[in-house]
Amino acid sequence: MGLVLGIGSGLFALIILWIVGLILCVVFSRVSSLRNGVVGVGILVIGVTVILIFYPRESDDGSGKTSKQPVDNLSVLRTTIFVFACLFAVVSMVLMLVFHWMEPQYAPALLARKKYTF
């Protein structure tokens, strides 16, 4: 198995896929005629990610050999906590964007009008 920058080739492919997907989403959101393309790119990236995750990594040779490997019993718990932490981070960043960074700044009202006489 070849390593790319110290990580596996599958994870490297997923990282490249998501970076390209995010760049395309930003580009499509800036072009007014392609705003619906963001949804298509999102669905495409998620679909390819699911396919790559569930695609078998090694072929089954059918030899029937089973080897005893250590099993991490807390992997489901760790994964669940990680997913909730990522979801919390994404939701909090979206809420920060909507309620803080995109808050309109109104000009202060004038208290008195000057009357000009010519």
PDB file of N, CA and C in Angstrom:
ATOM      1  N   MET A   1       0.849  -1.178   0.000  1.00  0.00           N
ATOM      2  CA  MET A   1       0.000   0.000   0.000  1.00  0.00           C
ATOM      3  C   MET A   1       0.887   1.232   0.000  1.00  0.00           C
ATOM      4  N   GLY A   2       0.662   2.100  -0.943  1.00  0.00           N
ATOM      5  CA  GLY A   2       1.472   3.296  -1.049  1.00  0.00           C
ATOM      6  C   GLY A   2       0.965   4.401  -0.142  1.00  0.00           C
ATOM      7  N   LEU A   3       1.893   5.124   0.406  1.00  0.00           N
ATOM      8  CA  LEU A   3       1.538   6.249   1.264  1.00  0.00           C
ATOM      9  C   LEU A   3       1.793   7.547   0.523  1.00  0.00           C
ATOM     10  N   VAL A   4       0.886   8.484   0.690  1.00  0.00           N
ATOM     11  CA  VAL A   4       1.039   9.813   0.119  1.00  0.00           C
ATOM     12  C   VAL A   4       1.089  10.786   1.294  1.00  0.00           C
ATOM     13  N   LEU A   5       2.218  11.450   1.443  1.00  0.00           N
ATOM     14  CA  LEU A   5       2.431  12.390   2.548  1.00  0.00           C
ATOM     15  C   LEU A   5       2.187  11.747   3.911  1.00  0.00           C
ATOM     16  N   GLY A   6       2.471  10.461   4.034  1.00  0.00           N
ATOM     17  CA  GLY A   6       2.329   9.755   5.299  1.00  0.00           C
ATOM     18  C   GLY A   6       0.939   9.238   5.585  1.00  0.00           C
ATOM     19  N   ILE A   7      -0.012   9.428   4.675  1.00  0.00           N
ATOM     20  CA  ILE A   7      -1.361   8.897   4.865  1.00  0.00           C
ATOM     21  C   ILE A   7      -1.689   7.980   3.696  1.00  0.00           C
ATOM     22  N   GLY A   8      -2.698   7.162   3.860  1.00  0.00           N
ATOM     23  CA  GLY A   8      -3.084   6.227   2.818  1.00  0.00           C
ATOM     24  C   GLY A   8      -3.640   6.930   1.591  1.00  0.00           C
ATOM     25  N   SER A   9      -3.605   6.230   0.481  1.00  0.00           N
ATOM     26  CA  SER A   9      -4.057   6.833  -0.770  1.00  0.00           C
ATOM     27  C   SER A   9      -5.565   7.079  -0.773  1.00  0.00           C
ATOM     28  N   GLY A  10      -6.338   6.250  -0.086  1.00  0.00           N
ATOM     29  CA  GLY A  10      -7.788   6.455  -0.029  1.00  0.00           C
ATOM     30  C   GLY A  10      -8.165   7.721   0.723  1.00  0.00           C
ATOM     31  N   LEU A  11      -7.537   7.938   1.870  1.00  0.00           N
ATOM     32  CA  LEU A  11      -7.800   9.154   2.636  1.00  0.00           C
ATOM     33  C   LEU A  11      -7.319  10.387   1.882  1.00  0.00           C
ATOM     34  N   PHE A  12      -6.202  10.266   1.188  1.00  0.00           N
ATOM     35  CA  PHE A  12      -5.702  11.377   0.381  1.00  0.00           C
ATOM     36  C   PHE A  12      -6.694  11.711  -0.736  1.00  0.00           C
ATOM     37  N   ALA A  13      -7.283  10.687  -1.349  1.00  0.00           N
ATOM     38  CA  ALA A  13      -8.281  10.916  -2.403  1.00  0.00           C
ATOM     39  C   ALA A  13      -9.522  11.598  -1.838  1.00  0.00           C
ATOM     40  N   LEU A  14      -9.953  11.199  -0.630  1.00  0.00           N
ATOM     41  CA  LEU A  14     -11.115  11.845  -0.005  1.00  0.00           C
ATOM     42  C   LEU A  14     -10.835  13.306   0.320  1.00  0.00           C
ATOM     43  N   ILE A  15      -9.640  13.604   0.793  1.00  0.00           N
ATOM     44  CA  ILE A  15      -9.287  14.988   1.118  1.00  0.00           C
ATOM     45  C   ILE A  15      -9.300  15.841  -0.146  1.00  0.00           C
ATOM     46  N   ILE A  16      -8.714  15.339  -1.221  1.00  0.00           N
ATOM     47  CA  ILE A  16      -8.703  16.073  -2.486  1.00  0.00           C
ATOM     48  C   ILE A  16     -10.131  16.257  -2.999  1.00  0.00           C
ATOM     49  N   LEU A  17     -10.959  15.214  -2.886  1.00  0.00           N
ATOM     50  CA  LEU A  17     -12.349  15.290  -3.336  1.00  0.00           C
ATOM     51  C   LEU A  17     -13.107  16.386  -2.599  1.00  0.00           C
ATOM     52  N   TRP A  18     -12.960  16.459  -1.275  1.00  0.00           N
ATOM     53  CA  TRP A  18     -13.685  17.466  -0.495  1.00  0.00           C
ATOM     54  C   TRP A  18     -13.149  18.871  -0.743  1.00  0.00           C
ATOM     55  N   ILE A  19     -11.848  19.017  -0.955  1.00  0.00           N
ATOM     56  CA  ILE A  19     -11.299  20.337  -1.253  1.00  0.00           C
ATOM     57  C   ILE A  19     -11.842  20.842  -2.589  1.00  0.00           C
ATOM     58  N   VAL A  20     -11.836  19.975  -3.603  1.00  0.00           N
ATOM     59  CA  VAL A  20     -12.365  20.368  -4.909  1.00  0.00           C
ATOM     60  C   VAL A  20     -13.863  20.664  -4.804  1.00  0.00           C
ATOM     61  N   GLY A  21     -14.597  19.862  -4.023  1.00  0.00           N
ATOM     62  CA  GLY A  21     -16.024  20.100  -3.835  1.00  0.00           C
ATOM     63  C   GLY A  21     -16.308  21.435  -3.177  1.00  0.00           C
ATOM     64  N   LEU A  22     -15.540  21.786  -2.155  1.00  0.00           N
ATOM     65  CA  LEU A  22     -15.728  23.078  -1.483  1.00  0.00           C
ATOM     66  C   LEU A  22     -15.390  24.246  -2.407  1.00  0.00           C
ATOM     67  N   ILE A  23     -14.331  24.102  -3.192  1.00  0.00           N
ATOM     68  CA  ILE A  23     -13.978  25.167  -4.138  1.00  0.00           C
ATOM     69  C   ILE A  23     -15.087  25.344  -5.172  1.00  0.00           C
ATOM     70  N   LEU A  24     -15.626  24.233  -5.681  1.00  0.00           N
ATOM     71  CA  LEU A  24     -16.719  24.324  -6.647  1.00  0.00           C
ATOM     72  C   LEU A  24     -17.968  24.947  -6.030  1.00  0.00           C
ATOM     73  N   CYS A  25     -18.258  24.625  -4.771  1.00  0.00           N
ATOM     74  CA  CYS A  25     -19.415  25.231  -4.098  1.00  0.00           C
ATOM     75  C   CYS A  25     -19.248  26.742  -3.979  1.00  0.00           C
ATOM     76  N   VAL A  26     -18.055  27.199  -3.645  1.00  0.00           N
ATOM     77  CA  VAL A  26     -17.816  28.634  -3.527  1.00  0.00           C
ATOM     78  C   VAL A  26     -17.937  29.306  -4.894  1.00  0.00           C
ATOM     79  N   VAL A  27     -17.385  28.665  -5.921  1.00  0.00           N
ATOM     80  CA  VAL A  27     -17.460  29.248  -7.267  1.00  0.00           C
ATOM     81  C   VAL A  27     -18.908  29.301  -7.741  1.00  0.00           C
ATOM     82  N   PHE A  28     -19.653  28.210  -7.542  1.00  0.00           N
ATOM     83  CA  PHE A  28     -21.043  28.181  -7.992  1.00  0.00           C
ATOM     84  C   PHE A  28     -21.913  29.152  -7.202  1.00  0.00           C
ATOM     85  N   SER A  29     -21.599  29.381  -5.935  1.00  0.00           N
ATOM     86  CA  SER A  29     -22.411  30.316  -5.162  1.00  0.00           C
ATOM     87  C   SER A  29     -22.161  31.759  -5.581  1.00  0.00           C
ATOM     88  N   ARG A  30     -21.013  32.050  -6.169  1.00  0.00           N
ATOM     89  CA  ARG A  30     -20.701  33.413  -6.616  1.00  0.00           C
ATOM     90  C   ARG A  30     -21.347  33.732  -7.966  1.00  0.00           C
ATOM     91  N   VAL A  31     -21.563  32.708  -8.799  1.00  0.00           N
ATOM     92  CA  VAL A  31     -22.162  32.928 -10.114  1.00  0.00           C
ATOM     93  C   VAL A  31     -23.669  32.813  -9.962  1.00  0.00           C
ATOM     94  N   SER A  32     -24.387  33.852 -10.332  1.00  0.00           N
ATOM     95  CA  SER A  32     -25.826  33.894 -10.069  1.00  0.00           C
ATOM     96  C   SER A  32     -26.598  32.862 -10.876  1.00  0.00           C
ATOM     97  N   SER A  33     -26.130  32.508 -12.063  1.00  0.00           N
ATOM     98  CA  SER A  33     -26.878  31.549 -12.879  1.00  0.00           C
ATOM     99  C   SER A  33     -26.629  30.105 -12.456  1.00  0.00           C
ATOM    100  N   LEU A  34     -25.620  29.843 -11.631  1.00  0.00           N
ATOM    101  CA  LEU A  34     -25.280  28.476 -11.232  1.00  0.00           C
ATOM    102  C   LEU A  34     -25.490  28.219  -9.750  1.00  0.00           C
ATOM    103  N   ARG A  35     -26.344  28.976  -9.095  1.00  0.00           N
ATOM    104  CA  ARG A  35     -26.521  28.811  -7.649  1.00  0.00           C
ATOM    105  C   ARG A  35     -27.070  27.444  -7.279  1.00  0.00           C
ATOM    106  N   ASN A  36     -27.882  26.825  -8.138  1.00  0.00           N
ATOM    107  CA  ASN A  36     -28.416  25.505  -7.829  1.00  0.00           C
ATOM    108  C   ASN A  36     -27.368  24.417  -8.002  1.00  0.00           C
ATOM    109  N   GLY A  37     -26.246  24.742  -8.605  1.00  0.00           N
ATOM    110  CA  GLY A  37     -25.169  23.772  -8.768  1.00  0.00           C
ATOM    111  C   GLY A  37     -24.510  23.399  -7.460  1.00  0.00           C
ATOM    112  N   VAL A  38     -24.651  24.247  -6.436  1.00  0.00           N
ATOM    113  CA  VAL A  38     -24.069  23.952  -5.127  1.00  0.00           C
ATOM    114  C   VAL A  38     -24.687  22.684  -4.547  1.00  0.00           C
ATOM    115  N   VAL A  39     -25.994  22.552  -4.697  1.00  0.00           N
ATOM    116  CA  VAL A  39     -26.680  21.360  -4.183  1.00  0.00           C
ATOM    117  C   VAL A  39     -26.208  20.128  -4.936  1.00  0.00           C
ATOM    118  N   GLY A  40     -26.067  20.235  -6.245  1.00  0.00           N
ATOM    119  CA  GLY A  40     -25.601  19.107  -7.049  1.00  0.00           C
ATOM    120  C   GLY A  40     -24.192  18.686  -6.687  1.00  0.00           C
ATOM    121  N   VAL A  41     -23.311  19.660  -6.489  1.00  0.00           N
ATOM    122  CA  VAL A  41     -21.935  19.341  -6.101  1.00  0.00           C
ATOM    123  C   VAL A  41     -21.918  18.688  -4.727  1.00  0.00           C
ATOM    124  N   GLY A  42     -22.726  19.191  -3.802  1.00  0.00           N
ATOM    125  CA  GLY A  42     -22.789  18.598  -2.468  1.00  0.00           C
ATOM    126  C   GLY A  42     -23.259  17.160  -2.506  1.00  0.00           C
ATOM    127  N   ILE A  43     -24.308  16.897  -3.261  1.00  0.00           N
ATOM    128  CA  ILE A  43     -24.823  15.528  -3.365  1.00  0.00           C
ATOM    129  C   ILE A  43     -23.790  14.629  -4.043  1.00  0.00           C
ATOM    130  N   LEU A  44     -23.128  15.129  -5.072  1.00  0.00           N
ATOM    131  CA  LEU A  44     -22.113  14.338  -5.769  1.00  0.00           C
ATOM    132  C   LEU A  44     -20.941  13.991  -4.855  1.00  0.00           C
ATOM    133  N   VAL A  45     -20.451  14.962  -4.100  1.00  0.00           N
ATOM    134  CA  VAL A  45     -19.317  14.723  -3.206  1.00  0.00           C
ATOM    135  C   VAL A  45     -19.700  13.731  -2.110  1.00  0.00           C
ATOM    136  N   ILE A  46     -20.882  13.898  -1.534  1.00  0.00           N
ATOM    137  CA  ILE A  46     -21.317  12.970  -0.487  1.00  0.00           C
ATOM    138  C   ILE A  46     -21.507  11.568  -1.061  1.00  0.00           C
ATOM    139  N   GLY A  47     -22.070  11.471  -2.251  1.00  0.00           N
ATOM    140  CA  GLY A  47     -22.260  10.160  -2.874  1.00  0.00           C
ATOM    141  C   GLY A  47     -20.944   9.452  -3.165  1.00  0.00           C
ATOM    142  N   VAL A  48     -19.976  10.180  -3.722  1.00  0.00           N
ATOM    143  CA  VAL A  48     -18.671   9.579  -4.003  1.00  0.00           C
ATOM    144  C   VAL A  48     -17.970   9.193  -2.711  1.00  0.00           C
ATOM    145  N   THR A  49     -18.119   9.992  -1.666  1.00  0.00           N
ATOM    146  CA  THR A  49     -17.517   9.655  -0.372  1.00  0.00           C
ATOM    147  C   THR A  49     -18.107   8.368   0.187  1.00  0.00           C
ATOM    148  N   VAL A  50     -19.422   8.224   0.134  1.00  0.00           N
ATOM    149  CA  VAL A  50     -20.064   6.998   0.634  1.00  0.00           C
ATOM    150  C   VAL A  50     -19.608   5.788  -0.175  1.00  0.00           C
ATOM    151  N   ILE A  51     -19.517   5.936  -1.484  1.00  0.00           N
ATOM    152  CA  ILE A  51     -19.060   4.823  -2.324  1.00  0.00           C
ATOM    153  C   ILE A  51     -17.624   4.448  -1.973  1.00  0.00           C
ATOM    154  N   LEU A  52     -16.749   5.433  -1.797  1.00  0.00           N
ATOM    155  CA  LEU A  52     -15.354   5.137  -1.471  1.00  0.00           C
ATOM    156  C   LEU A  52     -15.198   4.525  -0.081  1.00  0.00           C
ATOM    157  N   ILE A  53     -16.070   4.906   0.841  1.00  0.00           N
ATOM    158  CA  ILE A  53     -15.964   4.343   2.185  1.00  0.00           C
ATOM    159  C   ILE A  53     -16.404   2.885   2.202  1.00  0.00           C
ATOM    160  N   PHE A  54     -17.496   2.576   1.498  1.00  0.00           N
ATOM    161  CA  PHE A  54     -18.022   1.214   1.533  1.00  0.00           C
ATOM    162  C   PHE A  54     -17.449   0.311   0.454  1.00  0.00           C
ATOM    163  N   TYR A  55     -16.600   0.823  -0.421  1.00  0.00           N
ATOM    164  CA  TYR A  55     -15.978   0.004  -1.450  1.00  0.00           C
ATOM    165  C   TYR A  55     -14.963  -0.926  -0.784  1.00  0.00           C
ATOM    166  N   PRO A  56     -14.949  -2.216  -1.124  1.00  0.00           N
ATOM    167  CA  PRO A  56     -14.001  -3.122  -0.461  1.00  0.00           C
ATOM    168  C   PRO A  56     -12.560  -2.754  -0.782  1.00  0.00           C
ATOM    169  N   ARG A  57     -11.757  -2.680   0.246  1.00  0.00           N
ATOM    170  CA  ARG A  57     -10.369  -2.268   0.076  1.00  0.00           C
ATOM    171  C   ARG A  57      -9.487  -3.411  -0.391  1.00  0.00           C
ATOM    172  N   GLU A  58      -9.767  -4.611   0.061  1.00  0.00           N
ATOM    173  CA  GLU A  58      -8.965  -5.772  -0.311  1.00  0.00           C
ATOM    174  C   GLU A  58      -9.883  -6.840  -0.862  1.00  0.00           C
ATOM    175  N   SER A  59      -9.367  -7.603  -1.790  1.00  0.00           N
ATOM    176  CA  SER A  59     -10.174  -8.687  -2.344  1.00  0.00           C
ATOM    177  C   SER A  59     -10.149  -9.873  -1.393  1.00  0.00           C
ATOM    178  N   ASP A  60     -11.261 -10.578  -1.341  1.00  0.00           N
ATOM    179  CA  ASP A  60     -11.363 -11.756  -0.489  1.00  0.00           C
ATOM    180  C   ASP A  60     -10.867 -12.957  -1.284  1.00  0.00           C
ATOM    181  N   ASP A  61      -9.765 -13.536  -0.844  1.00  0.00           N
ATOM    182  CA  ASP A  61      -9.199 -14.656  -1.582  1.00  0.00           C
ATOM    183  C   ASP A  61      -9.903 -15.975  -1.270  1.00  0.00           C
ATOM    184  N   GLY A  62     -10.745 -16.002  -0.250  1.00  0.00           N
ATOM    185  CA  GLY A  62     -11.523 -17.195   0.065  1.00  0.00           C
ATOM    186  C   GLY A  62     -10.725 -18.300   0.725  1.00  0.00           C
ATOM    187  N   SER A  63      -9.569 -17.985   1.270  1.00  0.00           N
ATOM    188  CA  SER A  63      -8.748 -19.029   1.896  1.00  0.00           C
ATOM    189  C   SER A  63      -9.320 -19.467   3.235  1.00  0.00           C
ATOM    190  N   GLY A  64     -10.143 -18.663   3.837  1.00  0.00           N
ATOM    191  CA  GLY A  64     -10.779 -19.034   5.094  1.00  0.00           C
ATOM    192  C   GLY A  64      -9.890 -18.842   6.307  1.00  0.00           C
ATOM    193  N   LYS A  65      -8.750 -18.255   6.153  1.00  0.00           N
ATOM    194  CA  LYS A  65      -7.857 -18.034   7.291  1.00  0.00           C
ATOM    195  C   LYS A  65      -8.380 -16.866   8.116  1.00  0.00           C
ATOM    196  N   THR A  66      -8.417 -17.054   9.389  1.00  0.00           N
ATOM    197  CA  THR A  66      -8.779 -15.970  10.294  1.00  0.00           C
ATOM    198  C   THR A  66      -7.609 -15.727  11.223  1.00  0.00           C
ATOM    199  N   SER A  67      -7.255 -14.504  11.350  1.00  0.00           N
ATOM    200  CA  SER A  67      -6.158 -14.160  12.254  1.00  0.00           C
ATOM    201  C   SER A  67      -6.730 -13.379  13.425  1.00  0.00           C
ATOM    202  N   LYS A  68      -6.149 -13.596  14.556  1.00  0.00           N
ATOM    203  CA  LYS A  68      -6.590 -12.875  15.746  1.00  0.00           C
ATOM    204  C   LYS A  68      -5.909 -11.513  15.759  1.00  0.00           C
ATOM    205  N   GLN A  69      -6.745 -10.497  15.691  1.00  0.00           N
ATOM    206  CA  GLN A  69      -6.252  -9.138  15.759  1.00  0.00           C
ATOM    207  C   GLN A  69      -6.903  -8.453  16.943  1.00  0.00           C
ATOM    208  N   PRO A  70      -6.187  -7.568  17.589  1.00  0.00           N
ATOM    209  CA  PRO A  70      -6.799  -6.851  18.704  1.00  0.00           C
ATOM    210  C   PRO A  70      -7.946  -5.978  18.219  1.00  0.00           C
ATOM    211  N   VAL A  71      -9.012  -5.939  18.997  1.00  0.00           N
ATOM    212  CA  VAL A  71     -10.201  -5.186  18.640  1.00  0.00           C
ATOM    213  C   VAL A  71     -10.378  -4.050  19.641  1.00  0.00           C
ATOM    214  N   ASP A  72     -10.642  -2.875  19.120  1.00  0.00           N
ATOM    215  CA  ASP A  72     -10.892  -1.718  19.973  1.00  0.00           C
ATOM    216  C   ASP A  72     -12.384  -1.663  20.271  1.00  0.00           C
ATOM    217  N   ASN A  73     -12.764  -1.942  21.498  1.00  0.00           N
ATOM    218  CA  ASN A  73     -14.176  -1.975  21.866  1.00  0.00           C
ATOM    219  C   ASN A  73     -14.791  -0.582  21.999  1.00  0.00           C
ATOM    220  N   LEU A  74     -13.974   0.425  22.119  1.00  0.00           N
ATOM    221  CA  LEU A  74     -14.492   1.780  22.288  1.00  0.00           C
ATOM    222  C   LEU A  74     -14.523   2.568  20.979  1.00  0.00           C
ATOM    223  N   SER A  75     -14.331   1.907  19.856  1.00  0.00           N
ATOM    224  CA  SER A  75     -14.267   2.635  18.589  1.00  0.00           C
ATOM    225  C   SER A  75     -15.611   3.279  18.239  1.00  0.00           C
ATOM    226  N   VAL A  76     -16.722   2.612  18.545  1.00  0.00           N
ATOM    227  CA  VAL A  76     -18.035   3.184  18.244  1.00  0.00           C
ATOM    228  C   VAL A  76     -18.269   4.424  19.096  1.00  0.00           C
ATOM    229  N   LEU A  77     -17.921   4.350  20.371  1.00  0.00           N
ATOM    230  CA  LEU A  77     -18.089   5.495  21.258  1.00  0.00           C
ATOM    231  C   LEU A  77     -17.222   6.677  20.803  1.00  0.00           C
ATOM    232  N   ARG A  78     -15.971   6.394  20.464  1.00  0.00           N
ATOM    233  CA  ARG A  78     -15.077   7.465  20.008  1.00  0.00           C
ATOM    234  C   ARG A  78     -15.579   8.088  18.718  1.00  0.00           C
ATOM    235  N   THR A  79     -16.043   7.265  17.801  1.00  0.00           N
ATOM    236  CA  THR A  79     -16.562   7.778  16.537  1.00  0.00           C
ATOM    237  C   THR A  79     -17.809   8.624  16.760  1.00  0.00           C
ATOM    238  N   THR A  80     -18.689   8.189  17.647  1.00  0.00           N
ATOM    239  CA  THR A  80     -19.911   8.940  17.939  1.00  0.00           C
ATOM    240  C   THR A  80     -19.582  10.303  18.547  1.00  0.00           C
ATOM    241  N   ILE A  81     -18.669  10.324  19.490  1.00  0.00           N
ATOM    242  CA  ILE A  81     -18.269  11.592  20.113  1.00  0.00           C
ATOM    243  C   ILE A  81     -17.627  12.511  19.082  1.00  0.00           C
ATOM    244  N   PHE A  82     -16.806  11.952  18.208  1.00  0.00           N
ATOM    245  CA  PHE A  82     -16.164  12.745  17.161  1.00  0.00           C
ATOM    246  C   PHE A  82     -17.191  13.335  16.201  1.00  0.00           C
ATOM    247  N   VAL A  83     -18.184  12.554  15.814  1.00  0.00           N
ATOM    248  CA  VAL A  83     -19.220  13.029  14.895  1.00  0.00           C
ATOM    249  C   VAL A  83     -20.026  14.146  15.546  1.00  0.00           C
ATOM    250  N   PHE A  84     -20.421  13.985  16.807  1.00  0.00           N
ATOM    251  CA  PHE A  84     -21.172  15.036  17.494  1.00  0.00           C
ATOM    252  C   PHE A  84     -20.335  16.302  17.655  1.00  0.00           C
ATOM    253  N   ALA A  85     -19.043  16.165  17.923  1.00  0.00           N
ATOM    254  CA  ALA A  85     -18.185  17.342  18.042  1.00  0.00           C
ATOM    255  C   ALA A  85     -18.068  18.072  16.702  1.00  0.00           C
ATOM    256  N   CYS A  86     -17.944  17.324  15.616  1.00  0.00           N
ATOM    257  CA  CYS A  86     -17.875  17.956  14.285  1.00  0.00           C
ATOM    258  C   CYS A  86     -19.190  18.629  13.927  1.00  0.00           C
ATOM    259  N   LEU A  87     -20.309  17.975  14.214  1.00  0.00           N
ATOM    260  CA  LEU A  87     -21.610  18.582  13.940  1.00  0.00           C
ATOM    261  C   LEU A  87     -21.803  19.855  14.753  1.00  0.00           C
ATOM    262  N   PHE A  88     -21.401  19.822  16.015  1.00  0.00           N
ATOM    263  CA  PHE A  88     -21.505  21.007  16.861  1.00  0.00           C
ATOM    264  C   PHE A  88     -20.656  22.145  16.302  1.00  0.00           C
ATOM    265  N   ALA A  89     -19.449  21.828  15.830  1.00  0.00           N
ATOM    266  CA  ALA A  89     -18.583  22.857  15.270  1.00  0.00           C
ATOM    267  C   ALA A  89     -19.187  23.462  14.006  1.00  0.00           C
ATOM    268  N   VAL A  90     -19.741  22.628  13.141  1.00  0.00           N
ATOM    269  CA  VAL A  90     -20.333  23.133  11.905  1.00  0.00           C
ATOM    270  C   VAL A  90     -21.554  24.000  12.201  1.00  0.00           C
ATOM    271  N   VAL A  91     -22.431  23.535  13.098  1.00  0.00           N
ATOM    272  CA  VAL A  91     -23.635  24.302  13.434  1.00  0.00           C
ATOM    273  C   VAL A  91     -23.254  25.619  14.092  1.00  0.00           C
ATOM    274  N   SER A  92     -22.280  25.606  14.975  1.00  0.00           N
ATOM    275  CA  SER A  92     -21.893  26.850  15.642  1.00  0.00           C
ATOM    276  C   SER A  92     -21.251  27.833  14.665  1.00  0.00           C
ATOM    277  N   MET A  93     -20.481  27.341  13.688  1.00  0.00           N
ATOM    278  CA  MET A  93     -19.896  28.244  12.698  1.00  0.00           C
ATOM    279  C   MET A  93     -20.973  28.841  11.788  1.00  0.00           C
ATOM    280  N   VAL A  94     -21.966  28.054  11.428  1.00  0.00           N
ATOM    281  CA  VAL A  94     -23.061  28.578  10.603  1.00  0.00           C
ATOM    282  C   VAL A  94     -23.855  29.621  11.380  1.00  0.00           C
ATOM    283  N   LEU A  95     -24.154  29.349  12.631  1.00  0.00           N
ATOM    284  CA  LEU A  95     -24.882  30.318  13.444  1.00  0.00           C
ATOM    285  C   LEU A  95     -24.065  31.588  13.665  1.00  0.00           C
ATOM    286  N   MET A  96     -22.752  31.451  13.834  1.00  0.00           N
ATOM    287  CA  MET A  96     -21.891  32.627  13.972  1.00  0.00           C
ATOM    288  C   MET A  96     -21.913  33.439  12.686  1.00  0.00           C
ATOM    289  N   LEU A  97     -21.891  32.758  11.552  1.00  0.00           N
ATOM    290  CA  LEU A  97     -21.942  33.449  10.269  1.00  0.00           C
ATOM    291  C   LEU A  97     -23.255  34.195  10.100  1.00  0.00           C
ATOM    292  N   VAL A  98     -24.361  33.553  10.423  1.00  0.00           N
ATOM    293  CA  VAL A  98     -25.667  34.149  10.190  1.00  0.00           C
ATOM    294  C   VAL A  98     -25.957  35.280  11.165  1.00  0.00           C
ATOM    295  N   PHE A  99     -25.705  35.074  12.447  1.00  0.00           N
ATOM    296  CA  PHE A  99     -26.133  36.046  13.454  1.00  0.00           C
ATOM    297  C   PHE A  99     -25.082  37.079  13.832  1.00  0.00           C
ATOM    298  N   HIS A 100     -23.838  36.864  13.501  1.00  0.00           N
ATOM    299  CA  HIS A 100     -22.823  37.827  13.915  1.00  0.00           C
ATOM    300  C   HIS A 100     -22.146  38.486  12.718  1.00  0.00           C
ATOM    301  N   TRP A 101     -21.592  37.694  11.813  1.00  0.00           N
ATOM    302  CA  TRP A 101     -20.824  38.263  10.713  1.00  0.00           C
ATOM    303  C   TRP A 101     -21.711  38.905   9.654  1.00  0.00           C
ATOM    304  N   MET A 102     -22.930  38.417   9.477  1.00  0.00           N
ATOM    305  CA  MET A 102     -23.800  38.977   8.445  1.00  0.00           C
ATOM    306  C   MET A 102     -24.820  39.954   9.016  1.00  0.00           C
ATOM    307  N   GLU A 103     -24.617  40.403  10.231  1.00  0.00           N
ATOM    308  CA  GLU A 103     -25.537  41.345  10.857  1.00  0.00           C
ATOM    309  C   GLU A 103     -25.408  42.704  10.176  1.00  0.00           C
ATOM    310  N   PRO A 104     -26.515  43.290   9.760  1.00  0.00           N
ATOM    311  CA  PRO A 104     -26.417  44.581   9.060  1.00  0.00           C
ATOM    312  C   PRO A 104     -26.008  45.690  10.019  1.00  0.00           C
ATOM    313  N   GLN A 105     -25.272  46.636   9.506  1.00  0.00           N
ATOM    314  CA  GLN A 105     -24.869  47.787  10.295  1.00  0.00           C
ATOM    315  C   GLN A 105     -25.627  48.996   9.757  1.00  0.00           C
ATOM    316  N   TYR A 106     -26.490  49.496  10.575  1.00  0.00           N
ATOM    317  CA  TYR A 106     -27.329  50.613  10.179  1.00  0.00           C
ATOM    318  C   TYR A 106     -26.658  51.934  10.536  1.00  0.00           C
ATOM    319  N   ALA A 107     -26.900  52.929   9.729  1.00  0.00           N
ATOM    320  CA  ALA A 107     -26.382  54.263  10.011  1.00  0.00           C
ATOM    321  C   ALA A 107     -27.191  54.875  11.148  1.00  0.00           C
ATOM    322  N   PRO A 108     -26.562  55.633  12.021  1.00  0.00           N
ATOM    323  CA  PRO A 108     -27.323  56.259  13.110  1.00  0.00           C
ATOM    324  C   PRO A 108     -28.272  57.326  12.554  1.00  0.00           C
ATOM    325  N   ALA A 109     -29.379  57.470  13.205  1.00  0.00           N
ATOM    326  CA  ALA A 109     -30.382  58.444  12.768  1.00  0.00           C
ATOM    327  C   ALA A 109     -29.902  59.855  13.078  1.00  0.00           C
ATOM    328  N   LEU A 110     -30.255  60.764  12.209  1.00  0.00           N
ATOM    329  CA  LEU A 110     -29.920  62.164  12.442  1.00  0.00           C
ATOM    330  C   LEU A 110     -30.881  62.742  13.473  1.00  0.00           C
ATOM    331  N   LEU A 111     -30.332  63.491  14.415  1.00  0.00           N
ATOM    332  CA  LEU A 111     -31.179  64.069  15.444  1.00  0.00           C
ATOM    333  C   LEU A 111     -31.812  65.383  14.999  1.00  0.00           C
ATOM    334  N   ALA A 112     -31.104  66.151  14.221  1.00  0.00           N
ATOM    335  CA  ALA A 112     -31.641  67.440  13.782  1.00  0.00           C
ATOM    336  C   ALA A 112     -31.212  67.673  12.342  1.00  0.00           C
ATOM    337  N   ARG A 113     -32.063  68.364  11.614  1.00  0.00           N
ATOM    338  CA  ARG A 113     -31.719  68.700  10.242  1.00  0.00           C
ATOM    339  C   ARG A 113     -31.325  70.157  10.180  1.00  0.00           C
ATOM    340  N   LYS A 114     -30.275  70.404   9.462  1.00  0.00           N
ATOM    341  CA  LYS A 114     -29.875  71.795   9.265  1.00  0.00           C
ATOM    342  C   LYS A 114     -30.745  72.385   8.178  1.00  0.00           C
ATOM    343  N   LYS A 115     -31.117  73.618   8.387  1.00  0.00           N
ATOM    344  CA  LYS A 115     -31.899  74.316   7.369  1.00  0.00           C
ATOM    345  C   LYS A 115     -30.966  75.297   6.683  1.00  0.00           C
ATOM    346  N   TYR A 116     -30.864  75.124   5.421  1.00  0.00           N
ATOM    347  CA  TYR A 116     -30.024  76.021   4.622  1.00  0.00           C
ATOM    348  C   TYR A 116     -30.910  77.100   4.019  1.00  0.00           C
ATOM    349  N   THR A 117     -30.500  78.306   4.156  1.00  0.00           N
ATOM    350  CA  THR A 117     -31.222  79.420   3.548  1.00  0.00           C
ATOM    351  C   THR A 117     -30.298  80.078   2.537  1.00  0.00           C
ATOM    352  N   PHE A 118     -30.815  80.290   1.379  1.00  0.00           N
ATOM    353  CA  PHE A 118     -30.009  80.881   0.331  1.00  0.00           C
ATOM    354  C   PHE A 118     -30.454  82.284   0.030  1.00  0.00           C
TER     355      PHE A 118
END
